[in-house]
C-alpha atoms as a PDB file:
ATOM      1  CA  MET A   1     151.384 134.385 -28.792  1.00  0.00           C
ATOM      2  CA  LEU A   2     147.818 133.796 -28.813  1.00  0.00           C
ATOM      3  CA  HIS A   3     145.467 136.245 -30.365  1.00  0.00           C
ATOM      4  CA  PHE A   4     141.749 136.412 -29.820  1.00  0.00           C
ATOM      5  CA  ARG A   5     139.449 138.138 -32.753  1.00  0.00           C
ATOM      6  CA  GLN A   6     137.872 141.055 -31.824  1.00  0.00           C
ATOM      7  CA  ALA A   7     135.296 142.985 -33.660  1.00  0.00           C
ATOM      8  CA  LEU A   8     136.072 145.055 -36.977  1.00  0.00           C
ATOM      9  CA  HIS A   9     135.991 148.580 -35.892  1.00  0.00           C
ATOM     10  CA  PHE A  10     136.556 150.903 -39.028  1.00  0.00           C
ATOM     11  CA  LYS A  11     137.643 154.278 -37.969  1.00  0.00           C
ATOM     12  CA  LEU A  12     138.083 157.205 -40.421  1.00  0.00           C
ATOM     13  CA  LEU A  13     140.850 159.333 -40.073  1.00  0.00           C
ATOM     14  CA  GLN A  14     139.705 162.818 -38.926  1.00  0.00           C
ATOM     15  CA  ARG A  15     141.534 164.118 -42.012  1.00  0.00           C
ATOM     16  CA  THR A  16     138.978 162.897 -44.678  1.00  0.00           C
ATOM     17  CA  ASN A  17     135.538 163.997 -44.705  1.00  0.00           C
ATOM     18  CA  VAL A  18     134.245 160.641 -46.762  1.00  0.00           C
ATOM     19  CA  MET A  19     132.240 157.772 -44.229  1.00  0.00           C
ATOM     20  CA  VAL A  20     133.764 154.717 -44.623  1.00  0.00           C
ATOM     21  CA  SER A  21     131.932 151.646 -44.354  1.00  0.00           C
ATOM     22  CA  CYS A  22     132.171 147.680 -44.458  1.00  0.00           C
ATOM     23  CA  SER A  23     130.735 145.358 -47.641  1.00  0.00           C
ATOM     24  CA  ASN A  24     129.055 142.108 -47.641  1.00  0.00           C
ATOM     25  CA  THR A  25     131.522 141.416 -50.609  1.00  0.00           C
ATOM     26  CA  SER A  26     135.213 141.223 -49.478  1.00  0.00           C
ATOM     27  CA  GLN A  27     137.626 142.694 -51.566  1.00  0.00           C
ATOM     28  CA  MET A  28     140.246 140.662 -53.657  1.00  0.00           C
ATOM     29  CA  ILE A  29     143.824 141.767 -52.434  1.00  0.00           C
ATOM     30  CA  THR A  30     147.580 141.081 -53.771  1.00  0.00           C
ATOM     31  CA  VAL A  31     150.143 140.639 -51.401  1.00  0.00           C
ATOM     32  CA  VAL A  32     152.962 141.949 -52.698  1.00  0.00           C
ATOM     33  CA  ILE A  33     156.293 140.167 -50.345  1.00  0.00           C
ATOM     34  CA  ALA A  34     159.786 142.445 -51.366  1.00  0.00           C
ATOM     35  CA  SER A  35     162.659 140.870 -50.307  1.00  0.00           C
ATOM     36  CA  TYR A  36     166.296 142.565 -50.129  1.00  0.00           C
ATOM     37  CA  LYS A  37     168.675 140.148 -48.275  1.00  0.00           C
ATOM     38  CA  TYR A  38     166.067 138.733 -46.050  1.00  0.00           C
ATOM     39  CA  GLY A  39     166.343 135.413 -47.700  1.00  0.00           C
ATOM     40  CA  HIS A  40     166.664 133.850 -44.266  1.00  0.00           C
ATOM     41  CA  LEU A  41     163.637 135.433 -43.147  1.00  0.00           C
ATOM     42  CA  ALA A  42     161.331 135.103 -46.102  1.00  0.00           C
ATOM     43  CA  ALA A  43     159.845 131.425 -45.412  1.00  0.00           C
ATOM     44  CA  HIS A  44     158.218 133.221 -42.107  1.00  0.00           C
ATOM     45  CA  CYS A  45     156.528 136.093 -43.793  1.00  0.00           C
ATOM     46  CA  ILE A  46     155.175 133.195 -46.563  1.00  0.00           C
ATOM     47  CA  GLU A  47     153.920 130.985 -44.124  1.00  0.00           C
ATOM     48  CA  SER A  48     151.947 133.812 -42.177  1.00  0.00           C
ATOM     49  CA  LEU A  49     150.380 134.520 -45.322  1.00  0.00           C
ATOM     50  CA  LEU A  50     149.591 131.190 -46.501  1.00  0.00           C
ATOM     51  CA  SER A  51     147.859 130.464 -43.198  1.00  0.00           C
ATOM     52  CA  GLN A  52     145.615 133.252 -42.703  1.00  0.00           C
ATOM     53  CA  THR A  53     142.036 132.653 -41.923  1.00  0.00           C
ATOM     54  CA  LYS A  54     141.196 134.037 -45.520  1.00  0.00           C
ATOM     55  CA  GLN A  55     143.814 133.549 -48.419  1.00  0.00           C
ATOM     56  CA  PRO A  56     144.561 136.735 -50.622  1.00  0.00           C
ATOM     57  CA  GLU A  57     143.783 136.141 -54.268  1.00  0.00           C
ATOM     58  CA  ARG A  58     147.305 136.502 -54.955  1.00  0.00           C
ATOM     59  CA  ILE A  59     151.050 136.626 -53.598  1.00  0.00           C
ATOM     60  CA  LEU A  60     153.599 137.683 -55.226  1.00  0.00           C
ATOM     61  CA  PHE A  61     157.315 137.239 -54.126  1.00  0.00           C
ATOM     62  CA  VAL A  62     159.799 139.792 -55.391  1.00  0.00           C
ATOM     63  CA  ASP A  63     163.435 139.223 -54.789  1.00  0.00           C
ATOM     64  CA  ASP A  64     165.617 142.356 -56.267  1.00  0.00           C
ATOM     65  CA  GLY A  65     168.379 141.033 -57.533  1.00  0.00           C
ATOM     66  CA  ILE A  66     170.134 139.521 -54.380  1.00  0.00           C
ATOM     67  CA  ALA A  67     170.022 135.453 -55.624  1.00  0.00           C
ATOM     68  CA  ASP A  68     169.268 134.581 -51.912  1.00  0.00           C
ATOM     69  CA  CYS A  69     165.696 133.475 -52.227  1.00  0.00           C
ATOM     70  CA  ASN A  70     166.234 130.579 -55.014  1.00  0.00           C
ATOM     71  CA  HIS A  71     165.116 127.975 -52.289  1.00  0.00           C
ATOM     72  CA  LEU A  72     161.702 129.189 -52.103  1.00  0.00           C
ATOM     73  CA  PRO A  73     159.960 128.304 -55.271  1.00  0.00           C
ATOM     74  CA  ALA A  74     160.323 124.313 -54.281  1.00  0.00           C
ATOM     75  CA  LEU A  75     159.741 125.267 -50.944  1.00  0.00           C
ATOM     76  CA  TYR A  76     156.555 127.414 -51.305  1.00  0.00           C
ATOM     77  CA  PRO A  77     155.647 126.188 -54.986  1.00  0.00           C
ATOM     78  CA  GLU A  78     151.687 128.083 -54.720  1.00  0.00           C
ATOM     79  CA  ILE A  79     152.757 131.450 -54.986  1.00  0.00           C
ATOM     80  CA  GLU A  80     154.299 133.427 -57.351  1.00  0.00           C
ATOM     81  CA  TYR A  81     158.221 135.224 -57.903  1.00  0.00           C
ATOM     82  CA  ILE A  82     159.975 137.544 -59.541  1.00  0.00           C
ATOM     83  CA  PHE A  83     163.783 137.256 -59.319  1.00  0.00           C
ATOM     84  CA  ARG A  84     165.469 140.323 -60.476  1.00  0.00           C
ATOM     85  CA  PRO A  85     169.069 139.352 -62.237  1.00  0.00           C
ATOM     86  CA  THR A  86     170.335 143.017 -61.386  1.00  0.00           C
ATOM     87  CA  ASN A  87     169.071 145.221 -58.346  1.00  0.00           C
ATOM     88  CA  LEU A  88     166.502 147.944 -59.282  1.00  0.00           C
ATOM     89  CA  GLY A  89     166.558 150.023 -56.332  1.00  0.00           C
ATOM     90  CA  THR A  90     163.087 150.061 -54.473  1.00  0.00           C
ATOM     91  CA  VAL A  91     161.229 152.960 -56.260  1.00  0.00           C
ATOM     92  CA  ASP A  92     161.862 150.983 -59.681  1.00  0.00           C
ATOM     93  CA  ASN A  93     161.185 147.391 -57.863  1.00  0.00           C
ATOM     94  CA  PHE A  94     157.894 148.528 -56.228  1.00  0.00           C
ATOM     95  CA  GLN A  95     157.063 150.246 -59.479  1.00  0.00           C
ATOM     96  CA  ASP A  96     157.214 147.509 -62.160  1.00  0.00           C
ATOM     97  CA  THR A  97     155.593 145.065 -59.244  1.00  0.00           C
ATOM     98  CA  LEU A  98     152.550 147.646 -59.326  1.00  0.00           C
ATOM     99  CA  SER A  99     151.932 147.299 -62.749  1.00  0.00           C
ATOM    100  CA  ARG A 100     151.681 143.865 -62.343  1.00  0.00           C
ATOM    101  CA  VAL A 101     148.777 143.721 -60.371  1.00  0.00           C
ATOM    102  CA  GLU A 102     145.274 143.365 -61.431  1.00  0.00           C
ATOM    103  CA  THR A 103     143.091 142.871 -58.005  1.00  0.00           C
ATOM    104  CA  GLU A 104     141.601 145.779 -56.512  1.00  0.00           C
ATOM    105  CA  TYR A 105     143.723 146.276 -53.687  1.00  0.00           C
ATOM    106  CA  VAL A 106     147.133 145.678 -52.804  1.00  0.00           C
ATOM    107  CA  LEU A 107     149.416 145.522 -49.533  1.00  0.00           C
ATOM    108  CA  PHE A 108     153.478 145.484 -49.897  1.00  0.00           C
ATOM    109  CA  ILE A 109     155.385 143.658 -46.888  1.00  0.00           C
ATOM    110  CA  GLY A 110     158.638 143.484 -46.519  1.00  0.00           C
ATOM    111  CA  ALA A 111     160.342 139.768 -46.362  1.00  0.00           C
ATOM    112  CA  ASP A 112     161.433 140.147 -43.122  1.00  0.00           C
ATOM    113  CA  ASN A 113     158.347 140.709 -41.091  1.00  0.00           C
ATOM    114  CA  TRP A 114     154.971 139.188 -41.035  1.00  0.00           C
ATOM    115  CA  LEU A 115     151.190 139.566 -40.723  1.00  0.00           C
ATOM    116  CA  ARG A 116     148.644 138.179 -38.246  1.00  0.00           C
ATOM    117  CA  SER A 117     146.940 135.273 -39.033  1.00  0.00           C
ATOM    118  CA  ASP A 118     143.824 137.270 -39.561  1.00  0.00           C
ATOM    119  CA  ALA A 119     144.842 140.043 -41.028  1.00  0.00           C
ATOM    120  CA  ILE A 120     143.567 139.233 -44.676  1.00  0.00           C
ATOM    121  CA  GLU A 121     140.229 138.666 -43.270  1.00  0.00           C
ATOM    122  CA  LEU A 122     139.793 141.911 -41.432  1.00  0.00           C
ATOM    123  CA  LEU A 123     141.189 143.985 -44.151  1.00  0.00           C
ATOM    124  CA  SER A 124     139.062 142.592 -47.070  1.00  0.00           C
ATOM    125  CA  ASP A 125     135.920 143.211 -45.577  1.00  0.00           C
ATOM    126  CA  ALA A 126     137.514 147.397 -46.396  1.00  0.00           C
ATOM    127  CA  THR A 127     135.976 149.737 -48.578  1.00  0.00           C
ATOM    128  CA  ALA A 128     138.230 152.852 -48.664  1.00  0.00           C
ATOM    129  CA  ASP A 129     140.767 153.974 -50.602  1.00  0.00           C
ATOM    130  CA  ILE A 130     143.332 153.629 -48.209  1.00  0.00           C
ATOM    131  CA  VAL A 131     143.076 150.739 -44.893  1.00  0.00           C
ATOM    132  CA  THR A 132     145.962 151.283 -41.879  1.00  0.00           C
ATOM    133  CA  TYR A 133     146.318 149.634 -39.056  1.00  0.00           C
ATOM    134  CA  ASP A 134     149.013 149.303 -35.947  1.00  0.00           C
ATOM    135  CA  ILE A 135     151.917 147.431 -35.626  1.00  0.00           C
ATOM    136  CA  VAL A 136     153.926 145.013 -32.953  1.00  0.00           C
ATOM    137  CA  VAL A 137     157.534 146.080 -33.213  1.00  0.00           C
ATOM    138  CA  THR A 138     159.569 142.721 -32.772  1.00  0.00           C
ATOM    139  CA  GLY A 139     163.117 141.524 -33.091  1.00  0.00           C
ATOM    140  CA  GLU A 140     166.487 141.779 -31.811  1.00  0.00           C
ATOM    141  CA  LEU A 141     166.608 145.541 -31.908  1.00  0.00           C
ATOM    142  CA  LYS A 142     163.365 146.210 -31.045  1.00  0.00           C
ATOM    143  CA  GLU A 143     164.074 148.579 -28.038  1.00  0.00           C
ATOM    144  CA  GLU A 144     165.470 151.316 -30.218  1.00  0.00           C
ATOM    145  CA  MET A 145     162.013 152.348 -31.562  1.00  0.00           C
ATOM    146  CA  LEU A 146     161.643 154.058 -28.310  1.00  0.00           C
ATOM    147  CA  ALA A 147     164.285 156.434 -29.368  1.00  0.00           C
ATOM    148  CA  ARG A 148     162.878 156.807 -32.799  1.00  0.00           C
ATOM    149  CA  VAL A 149     159.392 157.423 -32.332  1.00  0.00           C
ATOM    150  CA  PRO A 150     159.455 158.460 -28.532  1.00  0.00           C
ATOM    151  CA  GLY A 151     155.999 158.340 -27.038  1.00  0.00           C
ATOM    152  CA  GLN A 152     154.279 156.279 -29.907  1.00  0.00           C
ATOM    153  CA  THR A 153     154.897 152.575 -28.608  1.00  0.00           C
ATOM    154  CA  HIS A 154     154.568 150.916 -24.939  1.00  0.00           C
ATOM    155  CA  PRO A 155     154.896 147.439 -24.019  1.00  0.00           C
ATOM    156  CA  GLN A 156     153.092 144.618 -25.280  1.00  0.00           C
ATOM    157  CA  PHE A 157     153.812 140.881 -24.428  1.00  0.00           C
ATOM    158  CA  GLY A 158     157.456 141.135 -24.836  1.00  0.00           C
ATOM    159  CA  ASN A 159     157.250 143.414 -27.969  1.00  0.00           C
ATOM    160  CA  LEU A 160     156.176 147.133 -28.632  1.00  0.00           C
ATOM    161  CA  TYR A 161     152.653 148.194 -29.641  1.00  0.00           C
ATOM    162  CA  TRP A 162     153.199 151.017 -32.510  1.00  0.00           C
ATOM    163  CA  ASP A 163     149.707 152.942 -32.416  1.00  0.00           C
ATOM    164  CA  ARG A 164     149.586 153.944 -36.364  1.00  0.00           C
ATOM    165  CA  GLN A 165     145.718 155.288 -35.876  1.00  0.00           C
ATOM    166  CA  ASN A 166     145.759 158.349 -38.736  1.00  0.00           C
ATOM    167  CA  GLN A 167     149.259 157.426 -39.996  1.00  0.00           C
ATOM    168  CA  HIS A 168     151.087 156.599 -42.739  1.00  0.00           C
ATOM    169  CA  HIS A 169     153.103 153.100 -42.672  1.00  0.00           C
ATOM    170  CA  GLY A 170     154.653 150.715 -45.722  1.00  0.00           C
ATOM    171  CA  SER A 171     152.441 148.023 -45.388  1.00  0.00           C
ATOM    172  CA  MET A 172     149.145 150.114 -46.108  1.00  0.00           C
ATOM    173  CA  MET A 173     146.645 148.301 -48.112  1.00  0.00           C
ATOM    174  CA  TYR A 174     145.203 150.708 -50.576  1.00  0.00           C
ATOM    175  CA  ARG A 175     143.297 150.771 -53.928  1.00  0.00           C
ATOM    176  CA  THR A 176     145.635 149.365 -56.948  1.00  0.00           C
ATOM    177  CA  THR A 177     144.137 151.936 -59.398  1.00  0.00           C
ATOM    178  CA  LEU A 178     144.582 154.845 -57.440  1.00  0.00           C
ATOM    179  CA  GLY A 179     148.231 153.499 -56.579  1.00  0.00           C
ATOM    180  CA  LYS A 180     149.232 152.809 -60.415  1.00  0.00           C
ATOM    181  CA  GLU A 181     148.137 156.308 -61.066  1.00  0.00           C
ATOM    182  CA  ILE A 182     150.405 158.171 -58.554  1.00  0.00           C
ATOM    183  CA  GLY A 183     153.366 155.930 -58.624  1.00  0.00           C
ATOM    184  CA  TYR A 184     156.375 155.032 -56.676  1.00  0.00           C
ATOM    185  CA  LYS A 185     159.104 157.687 -56.007  1.00  0.00           C
ATOM    186  CA  LYS A 186     161.089 159.299 -53.003  1.00  0.00           C
ATOM    187  CA  ARG A 187     159.339 161.652 -51.915  1.00  0.00           C
ATOM    188  CA  PHE A 188     162.261 164.089 -50.771  1.00  0.00           C
ATOM    189  CA  GLU A 189     165.736 164.467 -51.604  1.00  0.00           C
ATOM    190  CA  ASP A 190     166.926 166.316 -48.504  1.00  0.00           C
ATOM    191  CA  GLY A 191     166.273 163.087 -46.801  1.00  0.00           C
ATOM    192  CA  PHE A 192     163.311 163.694 -44.296  1.00  0.00           C
ATOM    193  CA  HIS A 193     160.518 160.682 -45.192  1.00  0.00           C
ATOM    194  CA  PRO A 194     162.177 159.675 -47.838  1.00  0.00           C
ATOM    195  CA  GLN A 195     160.709 156.439 -48.279  1.00  0.00           C
ATOM    196  CA  GLU A 196     158.576 156.005 -51.528  1.00  0.00           C
ATOM    197  CA  ASP A 197     155.872 154.782 -49.759  1.00  0.00           C
ATOM    198  CA  TRP A 198     155.281 158.160 -48.200  1.00  0.00           C
ATOM    199  CA  ASN A 199     155.264 160.047 -51.482  1.00  0.00           C
ATOM    200  CA  LEU A 200     152.472 158.005 -52.321  1.00  0.00           C
ATOM    201  CA  TRP A 201     150.951 158.738 -48.917  1.00  0.00           C
ATOM    202  CA  ASP A 202     150.791 162.289 -50.091  1.00  0.00           C
ATOM    203  CA  LYS A 203     149.649 162.305 -53.404  1.00  0.00           C
ATOM    204  CA  MET A 204     147.064 159.428 -52.441  1.00  0.00           C
ATOM    205  CA  LEU A 205     145.501 162.027 -49.943  1.00  0.00           C
ATOM    206  CA  GLU A 206     145.830 165.079 -52.015  1.00  0.00           C
ATOM    207  CA  LYS A 207     143.553 163.250 -54.099  1.00  0.00           C
ATOM    208  CA  GLY A 208     140.611 162.827 -51.991  1.00  0.00           C
ATOM    209  CA  ALA A 209     141.529 159.359 -50.767  1.00  0.00           C
ATOM    210  CA  THR A 210     139.267 158.036 -48.093  1.00  0.00           C
ATOM    211  CA  VAL A 211     141.266 156.192 -45.089  1.00  0.00           C
ATOM    212  CA  ALA A 212     139.791 154.110 -42.763  1.00  0.00           C
ATOM    213  CA  SER A 213     141.844 152.977 -39.507  1.00  0.00           C
ATOM    214  CA  LEU A 214     141.636 149.226 -38.065  1.00  0.00           C
ATOM    215  CA  LYS A 215     142.737 149.685 -33.992  1.00  0.00           C
ATOM    216  CA  GLN A 216     144.551 146.474 -34.474  1.00  0.00           C
ATOM    217  CA  GLY A 217     148.066 145.340 -34.338  1.00  0.00           C
ATOM    218  CA  LEU A 218     148.359 143.216 -37.465  1.00  0.00           C
ATOM    219  CA  LEU A 219     151.757 143.511 -39.064  1.00  0.00           C
ATOM    220  CA  TYR A 220     154.823 142.107 -36.969  1.00  0.00           C
ATOM    221  CA  TYR A 221     157.960 144.385 -37.898  1.00  0.00           C
ATOM    222  CA  ARG A 222     161.001 142.928 -37.093  1.00  0.00           C
ATOM    223  CA  ARG A 223     163.942 145.248 -36.439  1.00  0.00           C
ATOM    224  CA  HIS A 224     167.083 142.866 -36.712  1.00  0.00           C
ATOM    225  CA  ARG A 225     170.628 143.575 -37.761  1.00  0.00           C
ATOM    226  CA  GLU A 226     169.630 142.921 -41.897  1.00  0.00           C
ATOM    227  CA  ASN A 227     167.302 146.500 -41.687  1.00  0.00           C
ATOM    228  CA  TYR A 228     168.915 148.294 -44.673  1.00  0.00           C
ATOM    229  CA  LEU A 229     166.754 151.472 -44.282  1.00  0.00           C
ATOM    230  CA  LYS A 230     168.555 153.633 -41.294  1.00  0.00           C
ATOM    231  CA  TYR A 231     167.549 156.892 -40.582  1.00  0.00           C
ATOM    232  CA  ASP A 232     170.039 159.933 -39.959  1.00  0.00           C
ATOM    233  CA  PRO A 233     169.526 160.874 -35.924  1.00  0.00           C
ATOM    234  CA  GLU A 234     169.227 164.600 -37.002  1.00  0.00           C
ATOM    235  CA  ILE A 235     166.224 163.356 -38.806  1.00  0.00           C
ATOM    236  CA  LEU A 236     164.341 161.296 -36.031  1.00  0.00           C
ATOM    237  CA  PRO A 237     162.021 164.263 -34.741  1.00  0.00           C
ATOM    238  CA  PHE A 238     160.486 164.379 -38.573  1.00  0.00           C
ATOM    239  CA  LEU A 239     159.592 160.643 -38.135  1.00  0.00           C
ATOM    240  CA  ALA A 240     157.930 160.885 -34.777  1.00  0.00           C
ATOM    241  CA  GLY A 241     155.356 163.437 -36.966  1.00  0.00           C
END
């Protein structure tokens, strides 16, 4: 599928009161590729980053103790790798990885997903503390998103376009120092929005973080049988909020 470069428009979220502008100086970004049983899909994600119109400052690949990605360094020696000897779990894995990031901004992406070819170029002009953008849902189980987030997606070129304006998602780009100050941890013990990045989002907003939103589908989110993050049907109404 071909993508045509659109004008860059950052829209300040209604929940913030600080104006967000674009800078003449591109910001340095680290992209963390997180893998958990995604070794058979990871090459697609890596290649989407290596083929960016503007390269991130650093690409850091992390395999959380599964050992199904050992073939990748020979194929892609230009990126950095962390191979955990044992599984740390998402929270500890992300927290340790974040501590190794030194660039101004960081973005985590699942190794089963990929970025549009101009994503880093568009994101690198941001000056807000957090930058969100829309998602293109693809993969063999993409249709299940119609039930998970009713009314939030619409068909686009055989995929589903997921409007994430004014909304959190796990591959938001955020200012590294702010993220380190807060850290990753589970948000609630009761299972509603338990993802560790939800806590990060909540706490950054509580600290007055500025948020800009890019009205373009930059992340391709692959729904497939190996997705390990499953929600109980009872909490689906909460996921739509």
